[in-house]
Amino acid sequence: MVIALFVYGTLRVGQGNYRWLAHQLPEPPLEGCLADGRLFHVWQSWGGFPVAKFDEPGTVWGDLLFMESSSDVFAEIAWMEEGAGYVLRQVPVLTPYNELVSALAWHYPGRPGDPIPSGDWLGEVAKKSVRILAR
């Protein structure tokens, strides 16, 4: 069964974790989608990553990835996300074509970091890059 996976951080198109799975996807991703929820930034000594809470009001920007639920790529993503404390949820996602799609997404039930007001991880990463280059 092909599933739609809503991704909002390092699995988004162009990000590091997307690069290792891109060639394994049977269909092209759908970029620029929206889901109800709130995005947070968590910093670690080795870098940062986003977490989403789909039980809080707000907007989360992301992409839809399509893959087989029984695929190795989905199993690898699940191993990575579950190991970090995320849980899988079904969420409604609005596509750029104004269609509502039911997708799976990784919800973070733990204590989040700093809010990302725009709800867009890619915008947050770009701002950080500009700050580093400006030094």
N, C-alpha and C. Protein backbone atom coordinates (compact mmCIF):
# COMPACT_ATOMS: atom_id res chain seq x y z
N MET A 1 0.84 -1.18 0.00
CA MET A 1 0.00 0.00 0.00
C MET A 1 0.90 1.25 0.00
N VAL A 2 0.62 2.17 -0.90
CA VAL A 2 1.36 3.43 -0.95
C VAL A 2 0.77 4.38 0.08
N ILE A 3 1.67 4.95 0.89
CA ILE A 3 1.25 5.91 1.90
C ILE A 3 1.80 7.29 1.56
N ALA A 4 1.14 8.31 2.08
CA ALA A 4 1.64 9.69 2.00
C ALA A 4 2.22 10.00 3.37
N LEU A 5 3.48 10.41 3.40
CA LEU A 5 4.16 10.76 4.64
C LEU A 5 4.45 12.26 4.62
N PHE A 6 3.88 12.99 5.57
CA PHE A 6 4.11 14.44 5.67
C PHE A 6 5.40 14.65 6.46
N VAL A 7 6.38 15.30 5.81
CA VAL A 7 7.67 15.56 6.46
C VAL A 7 7.88 17.06 6.53
N TYR A 8 8.49 17.53 7.62
CA TYR A 8 8.58 18.96 7.88
C TYR A 8 9.97 19.42 8.28
N GLY A 9 10.96 18.54 8.26
CA GLY A 9 12.29 18.91 8.72
C GLY A 9 13.39 18.36 7.84
N THR A 10 14.24 17.53 8.43
CA THR A 10 15.42 17.03 7.72
C THR A 10 15.09 16.04 6.61
N LEU A 11 13.83 15.59 6.53
CA LEU A 11 13.40 14.71 5.44
C LEU A 11 12.78 15.49 4.28
N ARG A 12 12.66 16.82 4.42
CA ARG A 12 12.10 17.63 3.33
C ARG A 12 13.04 17.66 2.13
N VAL A 13 12.47 17.90 0.98
CA VAL A 13 13.24 17.97 -0.26
C VAL A 13 14.39 18.96 -0.10
N GLY A 14 15.59 18.49 -0.47
CA GLY A 14 16.78 19.33 -0.39
C GLY A 14 17.55 19.22 0.92
N GLN A 15 16.95 18.64 1.94
CA GLN A 15 17.62 18.49 3.23
C GLN A 15 18.43 17.19 3.26
N GLY A 16 19.34 17.09 4.21
CA GLY A 16 20.28 15.98 4.28
C GLY A 16 19.65 14.60 4.31
N ASN A 17 18.64 14.39 5.13
CA ASN A 17 18.04 13.06 5.21
C ASN A 17 17.20 12.73 3.99
N TYR A 18 16.74 13.73 3.26
CA TYR A 18 16.00 13.46 2.02
C TYR A 18 16.94 12.87 0.96
N ARG A 19 18.16 13.33 0.95
CA ARG A 19 19.11 12.92 -0.09
C ARG A 19 19.35 11.40 -0.10
N TRP A 20 19.38 10.78 1.09
CA TRP A 20 19.64 9.33 1.13
C TRP A 20 18.43 8.51 0.73
N LEU A 21 17.22 9.09 0.75
CA LEU A 21 16.05 8.30 0.41
C LEU A 21 15.44 8.66 -0.94
N ALA A 22 15.83 9.77 -1.53
CA ALA A 22 15.19 10.27 -2.75
C ALA A 22 15.14 9.22 -3.86
N HIS A 23 16.23 8.52 -4.07
CA HIS A 23 16.28 7.53 -5.16
C HIS A 23 15.44 6.28 -4.88
N GLN A 24 14.95 6.14 -3.65
CA GLN A 24 14.16 4.97 -3.27
C GLN A 24 12.65 5.23 -3.36
N LEU A 25 12.26 6.47 -3.64
CA LEU A 25 10.84 6.81 -3.68
C LEU A 25 10.23 6.47 -5.04
N PRO A 26 9.08 5.79 -5.05
CA PRO A 26 8.47 5.39 -6.32
C PRO A 26 7.78 6.55 -7.05
N GLU A 27 7.49 7.64 -6.34
CA GLU A 27 6.81 8.79 -6.93
C GLU A 27 7.53 10.07 -6.49
N PRO A 28 7.44 11.13 -7.29
CA PRO A 28 8.05 12.39 -6.87
C PRO A 28 7.31 12.97 -5.66
N PRO A 29 8.02 13.73 -4.82
CA PRO A 29 7.38 14.36 -3.66
C PRO A 29 6.48 15.51 -4.08
N LEU A 30 5.63 15.90 -3.18
CA LEU A 30 4.78 17.07 -3.39
C LEU A 30 5.21 18.11 -2.36
N GLU A 31 5.84 19.17 -2.83
CA GLU A 31 6.40 20.20 -1.95
C GLU A 31 5.37 21.29 -1.64
N GLY A 32 5.61 21.99 -0.52
CA GLY A 32 4.80 23.16 -0.16
C GLY A 32 3.42 22.84 0.36
N CYS A 33 3.31 21.82 1.21
CA CYS A 33 2.04 21.42 1.81
C CYS A 33 1.92 22.01 3.23
N LEU A 34 0.71 22.02 3.75
CA LEU A 34 0.44 22.57 5.09
C LEU A 34 -0.34 21.59 5.94
N ALA A 35 -0.03 21.57 7.24
CA ALA A 35 -0.80 20.78 8.21
C ALA A 35 -1.04 21.65 9.44
N ASP A 36 -2.13 21.36 10.14
CA ASP A 36 -2.39 22.05 11.41
C ASP A 36 -1.45 21.49 12.47
N GLY A 37 -0.82 22.37 13.21
CA GLY A 37 0.10 21.97 14.27
C GLY A 37 1.08 23.09 14.55
N ARG A 38 2.04 22.79 15.38
CA ARG A 38 3.04 23.80 15.77
C ARG A 38 4.43 23.18 15.66
N LEU A 39 5.36 23.95 15.11
CA LEU A 39 6.73 23.48 14.88
C LEU A 39 7.66 24.12 15.90
N PHE A 40 8.60 23.31 16.38
CA PHE A 40 9.57 23.77 17.38
C PHE A 40 10.98 23.40 16.92
N HIS A 41 11.94 24.15 17.39
CA HIS A 41 13.35 23.94 17.06
C HIS A 41 14.05 23.38 18.30
N VAL A 42 14.71 22.25 18.13
CA VAL A 42 15.46 21.64 19.22
C VAL A 42 16.93 21.66 18.84
N TRP A 43 17.76 22.23 19.69
CA TRP A 43 19.20 22.30 19.43
C TRP A 43 19.92 21.28 20.27
N GLN A 44 20.87 20.59 19.66
CA GLN A 44 21.75 19.65 20.33
C GLN A 44 23.18 20.12 20.09
N SER A 45 24.14 19.50 20.73
CA SER A 45 25.53 19.90 20.54
C SER A 45 25.99 19.68 19.10
N TRP A 46 25.41 18.71 18.40
CA TRP A 46 25.81 18.39 17.02
C TRP A 46 24.98 19.14 15.98
N GLY A 47 23.96 19.89 16.39
CA GLY A 47 23.13 20.63 15.44
C GLY A 47 21.69 20.68 15.89
N GLY A 48 20.82 21.10 15.00
CA GLY A 48 19.42 21.26 15.36
C GLY A 48 18.50 20.46 14.46
N PHE A 49 17.27 20.30 14.94
CA PHE A 49 16.25 19.61 14.17
C PHE A 49 14.88 20.09 14.66
N PRO A 50 13.85 19.93 13.84
CA PRO A 50 12.52 20.37 14.24
C PRO A 50 11.71 19.22 14.85
N VAL A 51 10.76 19.59 15.67
CA VAL A 51 9.75 18.65 16.14
C VAL A 51 8.39 19.32 15.93
N ALA A 52 7.40 18.52 15.62
CA ALA A 52 6.05 19.05 15.42
C ALA A 52 5.11 18.47 16.45
N LYS A 53 4.20 19.31 16.89
CA LYS A 53 3.14 18.88 17.80
C LYS A 53 1.83 19.15 17.05
N PHE A 54 1.20 18.07 16.61
CA PHE A 54 -0.02 18.20 15.81
C PHE A 54 -1.27 18.34 16.67
N ASP A 55 -1.08 18.47 17.98
CA ASP A 55 -2.21 18.71 18.88
C ASP A 55 -2.20 20.14 19.41
N GLU A 56 -1.42 21.02 18.78
CA GLU A 56 -1.38 22.43 19.15
C GLU A 56 -1.77 23.27 17.95
N PRO A 57 -2.38 24.44 18.18
CA PRO A 57 -2.80 25.28 17.06
C PRO A 57 -1.60 25.92 16.35
N GLY A 58 -1.73 26.05 15.05
CA GLY A 58 -0.69 26.68 14.25
C GLY A 58 -0.64 26.04 12.88
N THR A 59 0.43 26.33 12.15
CA THR A 59 0.62 25.80 10.81
C THR A 59 2.02 25.23 10.68
N VAL A 60 2.12 24.06 10.09
CA VAL A 60 3.41 23.42 9.83
C VAL A 60 3.54 23.25 8.31
N TRP A 61 4.62 23.79 7.75
CA TRP A 61 4.93 23.62 6.34
C TRP A 61 5.71 22.35 6.13
N GLY A 62 5.44 21.64 5.04
CA GLY A 62 6.19 20.43 4.76
C GLY A 62 5.96 19.91 3.36
N ASP A 63 6.44 18.71 3.14
CA ASP A 63 6.32 18.04 1.85
C ASP A 63 5.67 16.68 2.06
N LEU A 64 5.03 16.18 1.02
CA LEU A 64 4.48 14.83 1.06
C LEU A 64 5.40 13.89 0.29
N LEU A 65 5.81 12.82 0.95
CA LEU A 65 6.59 11.76 0.31
C LEU A 65 5.68 10.56 0.17
N PHE A 66 5.77 9.89 -0.96
CA PHE A 66 4.93 8.73 -1.24
C PHE A 66 5.80 7.49 -1.31
N MET A 67 5.41 6.45 -0.56
CA MET A 67 6.21 5.22 -0.52
C MET A 67 5.34 4.06 -0.07
N GLU A 68 5.84 2.88 -0.29
CA GLU A 68 5.15 1.67 0.17
C GLU A 68 5.30 1.57 1.69
N SER A 69 4.22 1.26 2.38
CA SER A 69 4.28 1.13 3.84
C SER A 69 5.16 -0.04 4.27
N SER A 70 5.35 -1.01 3.39
CA SER A 70 6.17 -2.18 3.72
C SER A 70 7.61 -2.04 3.21
N SER A 71 7.98 -0.85 2.70
CA SER A 71 9.31 -0.67 2.11
C SER A 71 10.40 -0.52 3.15
N ASP A 72 11.61 -0.81 2.72
CA ASP A 72 12.77 -0.63 3.58
C ASP A 72 12.95 0.84 3.95
N VAL A 73 12.67 1.74 3.01
CA VAL A 73 12.85 3.16 3.29
C VAL A 73 11.91 3.62 4.41
N PHE A 74 10.65 3.15 4.38
CA PHE A 74 9.74 3.52 5.47
C PHE A 74 10.20 2.91 6.79
N ALA A 75 10.69 1.68 6.75
CA ALA A 75 11.20 1.04 7.97
C ALA A 75 12.39 1.81 8.54
N GLU A 76 13.28 2.30 7.68
CA GLU A 76 14.43 3.08 8.15
C GLU A 76 14.01 4.41 8.76
N ILE A 77 13.05 5.07 8.11
CA ILE A 77 12.55 6.34 8.66
C ILE A 77 11.89 6.08 10.01
N ALA A 78 11.08 5.04 10.11
CA ALA A 78 10.40 4.72 11.37
C ALA A 78 11.42 4.43 12.46
N TRP A 79 12.47 3.69 12.14
CA TRP A 79 13.51 3.38 13.12
C TRP A 79 14.15 4.68 13.64
N MET A 80 14.45 5.60 12.72
CA MET A 80 15.09 6.86 13.09
C MET A 80 14.15 7.72 13.95
N GLU A 81 12.91 7.87 13.51
CA GLU A 81 11.97 8.76 14.21
C GLU A 81 11.50 8.18 15.54
N GLU A 82 11.18 6.91 15.57
CA GLU A 82 10.75 6.28 16.83
C GLU A 82 11.87 6.29 17.85
N GLY A 83 13.10 6.11 17.38
CA GLY A 83 14.26 6.16 18.28
C GLY A 83 14.47 7.52 18.91
N ALA A 84 13.97 8.56 18.23
CA ALA A 84 14.09 9.93 18.75
C ALA A 84 12.86 10.33 19.58
N GLY A 85 11.91 9.41 19.73
CA GLY A 85 10.75 9.67 20.58
C GLY A 85 9.50 10.13 19.86
N TYR A 86 9.51 10.16 18.55
CA TYR A 86 8.32 10.57 17.80
C TYR A 86 7.31 9.42 17.74
N VAL A 87 6.04 9.77 17.55
CA VAL A 87 4.99 8.77 17.33
C VAL A 87 4.27 9.13 16.03
N LEU A 88 3.84 8.11 15.33
CA LEU A 88 3.18 8.29 14.04
C LEU A 88 1.72 8.64 14.23
N ARG A 89 1.27 9.65 13.50
CA ARG A 89 -0.14 10.09 13.57
C ARG A 89 -0.69 10.27 12.17
N GLN A 90 -1.99 10.15 12.05
CA GLN A 90 -2.69 10.47 10.82
C GLN A 90 -3.08 11.95 10.92
N VAL A 91 -2.73 12.75 9.90
CA VAL A 91 -3.06 14.18 9.92
C VAL A 91 -3.59 14.60 8.55
N PRO A 92 -4.54 15.54 8.54
CA PRO A 92 -4.98 16.10 7.25
C PRO A 92 -3.94 17.10 6.76
N VAL A 93 -3.62 17.04 5.47
CA VAL A 93 -2.61 17.90 4.87
C VAL A 93 -3.21 18.60 3.66
N LEU A 94 -3.01 19.90 3.58
CA LEU A 94 -3.49 20.68 2.45
C LEU A 94 -2.37 20.80 1.43
N THR A 95 -2.64 20.39 0.19
CA THR A 95 -1.62 20.44 -0.87
C THR A 95 -1.64 21.83 -1.53
N PRO A 96 -0.61 22.13 -2.32
CA PRO A 96 -0.60 23.41 -3.06
C PRO A 96 -1.75 23.50 -4.07
N TYR A 97 -2.38 22.36 -4.38
CA TYR A 97 -3.51 22.33 -5.31
C TYR A 97 -4.85 22.43 -4.59
N ASN A 98 -4.79 22.81 -3.31
CA ASN A 98 -5.97 23.00 -2.47
C ASN A 98 -6.77 21.71 -2.27
N GLU A 99 -6.06 20.58 -2.27
CA GLU A 99 -6.67 19.28 -1.99
C GLU A 99 -6.29 18.87 -0.58
N LEU A 100 -7.22 18.26 0.12
CA LEU A 100 -6.97 17.76 1.45
C LEU A 100 -6.63 16.27 1.36
N VAL A 101 -5.44 15.90 1.89
CA VAL A 101 -4.95 14.53 1.83
C VAL A 101 -4.75 14.03 3.25
N SER A 102 -5.13 12.80 3.50
CA SER A 102 -4.85 12.18 4.79
C SER A 102 -3.45 11.57 4.71
N ALA A 103 -2.57 12.01 5.60
CA ALA A 103 -1.18 11.57 5.56
C ALA A 103 -0.72 11.12 6.94
N LEU A 104 0.36 10.38 6.97
CA LEU A 104 1.02 10.04 8.22
C LEU A 104 2.06 11.12 8.51
N ALA A 105 2.28 11.40 9.77
CA ALA A 105 3.28 12.39 10.17
C ALA A 105 3.84 12.01 11.53
N TRP A 106 5.08 12.46 11.78
CA TRP A 106 5.73 12.16 13.05
C TRP A 106 5.46 13.28 14.04
N HIS A 107 4.68 12.95 15.07
CA HIS A 107 4.30 13.87 16.15
C HIS A 107 5.29 13.68 17.30
N TYR A 108 5.65 14.79 17.93
CA TYR A 108 6.57 14.71 19.07
C TYR A 108 5.80 14.94 20.36
N PRO A 109 5.62 13.91 21.20
CA PRO A 109 4.84 14.05 22.43
C PRO A 109 5.62 14.66 23.58
N GLY A 110 6.94 14.75 23.44
CA GLY A 110 7.78 15.25 24.53
C GLY A 110 7.78 16.77 24.63
N ARG A 111 8.66 17.24 25.48
CA ARG A 111 8.80 18.68 25.70
C ARG A 111 9.55 19.28 24.51
N PRO A 112 8.94 20.23 23.81
CA PRO A 112 9.59 20.79 22.63
C PRO A 112 10.60 21.87 22.99
N GLY A 113 11.32 22.32 21.97
CA GLY A 113 12.27 23.42 22.14
C GLY A 113 11.62 24.76 21.88
N ASP A 114 12.35 25.62 21.20
CA ASP A 114 11.85 26.97 20.88
C ASP A 114 10.87 26.92 19.72
N PRO A 115 9.77 27.69 19.81
CA PRO A 115 8.81 27.70 18.69
C PRO A 115 9.43 28.29 17.43
N ILE A 116 9.01 27.78 16.29
CA ILE A 116 9.36 28.36 15.00
C ILE A 116 8.08 29.05 14.52
N PRO A 117 7.98 30.37 14.73
CA PRO A 117 6.72 31.08 14.46
C PRO A 117 6.18 30.90 13.04
N SER A 118 7.06 30.82 12.05
CA SER A 118 6.61 30.68 10.66
C SER A 118 6.08 29.27 10.37
N GLY A 119 6.46 28.30 11.21
CA GLY A 119 6.08 26.91 10.95
C GLY A 119 6.86 26.28 9.81
N ASP A 120 7.92 26.95 9.36
CA ASP A 120 8.68 26.50 8.20
C ASP A 120 10.14 26.24 8.57
N TRP A 121 10.52 24.97 8.66
CA TRP A 121 11.89 24.60 8.99
C TRP A 121 12.88 25.09 7.95
N LEU A 122 12.52 25.04 6.67
CA LEU A 122 13.44 25.47 5.62
C LEU A 122 13.77 26.95 5.78
N GLY A 123 12.79 27.76 6.12
CA GLY A 123 13.04 29.18 6.38
C GLY A 123 13.93 29.38 7.59
N GLU A 124 13.77 28.55 8.60
CA GLU A 124 14.59 28.62 9.81
C GLU A 124 16.03 28.26 9.50
N VAL A 125 16.24 27.21 8.72
CA VAL A 125 17.58 26.78 8.35
C VAL A 125 18.27 27.87 7.53
N ALA A 126 17.54 28.48 6.61
CA ALA A 126 18.10 29.55 5.78
C ALA A 126 18.52 30.74 6.64
N LYS A 127 17.71 31.10 7.63
CA LYS A 127 18.06 32.22 8.51
C LYS A 127 19.33 31.91 9.28
N LYS A 128 19.47 30.69 9.79
CA LYS A 128 20.66 30.31 10.54
C LYS A 128 21.90 30.37 9.63
N SER A 129 21.75 29.91 8.38
CA SER A 129 22.89 29.94 7.45
C SER A 129 23.34 31.36 7.18
N VAL A 130 22.40 32.27 7.04
CA VAL A 130 22.73 33.68 6.77
C VAL A 130 23.46 34.26 7.99
N ARG A 131 23.00 33.94 9.18
CA ARG A 131 23.66 34.45 10.39
C ARG A 131 25.09 33.95 10.49
N ILE A 132 25.30 32.69 10.18
CA ILE A 132 26.65 32.12 10.25
C ILE A 132 27.56 32.79 9.21
N LEU A 133 27.06 32.97 8.00
CA LEU A 133 27.86 33.57 6.94
C LEU A 133 28.14 35.05 7.20
N ALA A 134 27.25 35.70 7.94
CA ALA A 134 27.41 37.14 8.20
C ALA A 134 28.46 37.44 9.25
N ARG A 135 28.92 36.45 9.99
CA ARG A 135 29.89 36.66 11.06
C ARG A 135 31.25 37.00 10.54
